[in-house]
Amino acid sequence: MTADEIANTLKKNGYIVDNDVMSRIETMLQSIRDDNQFYNLDYILEWFYKKRQQCDMIVEEIGINQLDKWKVDPNNGNIRHDSGGFFEVIGVKVTKTTDREVGERGWTQPIIAHNP
């Protein structure tokens, strides 16, 4: 499917297609294209699965409270390392979103914040 075909489909369904939308369509199409100048996707997947098979590590899911030196802050629920370094998982609230697909409702979500 080409950028023009996607744009036409959007227009037929009542969406406004401006330069910003066309740019987003182009970016989307570029991101799914399998034309890397060094390796194609099949080669990369083969390499990845081979590396996975060669790895003896065992990874198991455990609760945040079981992690060494990582804590959930009881005041705000953020997840952080005892040292204050690495990163922190925080929550954000996004408002004034009238130009987004959610309208005026906004949204909340967790994000990873870098700590010095």
Protein backbone atom coordinates (compact mmCIF):
# COMPACT_ATOMS: atom_id res chain seq x y z
CA MET A 1 0.00 0.00 0.00
CA THR A 2 1.33 3.45 -0.89
CA ALA A 3 1.15 6.69 1.08
CA ASP A 4 -1.43 8.04 -1.38
CA GLU A 5 -3.62 4.95 -0.97
CA ILE A 6 -3.53 5.32 2.81
CA ALA A 7 -4.30 9.04 2.53
CA ASN A 8 -7.24 8.34 0.21
CA THR A 9 -8.61 5.74 2.62
CA LEU A 10 -8.38 8.23 5.47
CA LYS A 11 -10.11 10.93 3.40
CA LYS A 12 -12.92 8.53 2.44
CA ASN A 13 -13.49 7.88 6.14
CA GLY A 14 -13.82 11.56 6.99
CA TYR A 15 -10.30 12.33 8.19
CA ILE A 16 -8.45 15.50 7.24
CA VAL A 17 -5.16 14.69 5.52
CA ASP A 18 -2.69 17.57 5.75
CA ASN A 19 1.11 17.73 5.43
CA ASP A 20 1.56 16.52 9.01
CA VAL A 21 -0.58 13.44 8.37
CA MET A 22 1.28 12.71 5.12
CA SER A 23 4.59 12.96 6.99
CA ARG A 24 3.32 10.50 9.61
CA ILE A 25 2.17 8.10 6.90
CA GLU A 26 5.61 8.25 5.23
CA THR A 27 7.34 7.64 8.56
CA MET A 28 5.08 4.66 9.27
CA LEU A 29 5.78 3.15 5.86
CA GLN A 30 9.54 3.64 6.26
CA SER A 31 9.48 1.98 9.68
CA ILE A 32 7.90 -1.22 8.35
CA ARG A 33 10.03 -1.47 5.22
CA ASP A 34 12.57 -4.33 5.17
CA ASP A 35 15.35 -2.64 3.21
CA ASN A 36 18.24 -2.26 5.65
CA GLN A 37 21.47 -1.72 3.74
CA PHE A 38 23.34 -4.29 5.86
CA TYR A 39 20.94 -7.09 6.83
CA ASN A 40 17.34 -7.96 6.05
CA LEU A 41 14.80 -8.85 8.70
CA ASP A 42 15.06 -12.62 8.12
CA TYR A 43 18.82 -12.52 8.76
CA ILE A 44 18.36 -10.48 11.95
CA LEU A 45 15.65 -12.80 13.27
CA GLU A 46 17.80 -15.85 12.52
CA TRP A 47 20.74 -14.23 14.35
CA PHE A 48 18.51 -13.32 17.31
CA TYR A 49 17.00 -16.80 17.70
CA LYS A 50 20.45 -18.39 17.42
CA LYS A 51 21.77 -16.12 20.18
CA ARG A 52 18.76 -16.95 22.33
CA GLN A 53 19.38 -20.68 21.95
CA GLN A 54 23.05 -20.22 22.91
CA CYS A 55 22.18 -18.32 26.09
CA ASP A 56 22.07 -20.36 29.31
CA MET A 57 20.54 -17.61 31.44
CA ILE A 58 17.26 -18.27 33.14
CA VAL A 59 14.91 -15.31 33.49
CA GLU A 60 11.87 -15.51 35.71
CA GLU A 61 9.32 -12.87 36.55
CA ILE A 62 9.28 -11.75 40.18
CA GLY A 63 7.43 -9.01 42.01
CA ILE A 64 8.87 -5.51 42.28
CA ASN A 65 9.04 -5.94 46.06
CA GLN A 66 11.39 -8.91 45.58
CA LEU A 67 13.98 -6.92 43.61
CA ASP A 68 17.28 -6.21 45.36
CA LYS A 69 17.74 -2.46 45.97
CA TRP A 70 14.58 -1.49 44.02
CA LYS A 71 11.63 -0.10 45.93
CA VAL A 72 8.13 1.19 45.38
CA ASP A 73 7.92 4.60 47.04
CA PRO A 74 4.95 4.42 49.46
CA ASN A 75 4.24 8.15 49.03
CA ASN A 76 3.80 8.27 45.25
CA GLY A 77 4.05 4.68 43.95
CA ASN A 78 7.15 5.42 41.85
CA ILE A 79 9.60 2.58 41.34
CA ARG A 80 13.23 3.54 41.96
CA HIS A 81 16.68 2.20 42.87
CA ASP A 82 18.00 2.77 46.41
CA SER A 83 21.01 4.65 45.00
CA GLY A 84 18.78 7.20 43.26
CA GLY A 85 20.58 6.35 40.02
CA PHE A 86 19.58 4.47 36.89
CA PHE A 87 15.96 5.38 36.15
CA GLU A 88 12.61 5.72 37.87
CA VAL A 89 9.15 4.62 36.74
CA ILE A 90 6.82 7.57 37.31
CA GLY A 91 3.27 8.45 36.36
CA VAL A 92 2.28 11.42 34.20
CA LYS A 93 -1.06 13.06 33.48
CA VAL A 94 -1.46 14.66 30.03
CA THR A 95 -4.05 17.45 29.61
CA LYS A 96 -5.00 20.11 27.03
CA THR A 97 -5.21 17.38 24.40
CA THR A 98 -7.91 18.79 22.14
CA ASP A 99 -5.73 18.23 19.06
CA ARG A 100 -5.17 14.55 19.87
CA GLU A 101 -7.31 11.50 19.14
CA VAL A 102 -8.56 11.34 22.75
CA GLY A 103 -10.11 14.81 22.60
CA GLU A 104 -10.27 16.81 25.81
CA ARG A 105 -10.16 13.79 28.13
CA GLY A 106 -6.37 13.55 28.19
CA TRP A 107 -4.75 10.47 29.64
CA THR A 108 -2.46 9.10 32.33
CA GLN A 109 0.40 6.70 31.81
CA PRO A 110 3.63 5.44 33.33
CA ILE A 111 6.94 6.59 31.85
CA ILE A 112 10.58 5.87 32.51
CA ALA A 113 12.41 8.94 33.82
CA HIS A 114 16.21 9.06 33.66
CA ASN A 115 17.96 9.72 36.96
CA PRO A 116 21.51 11.13 37.12
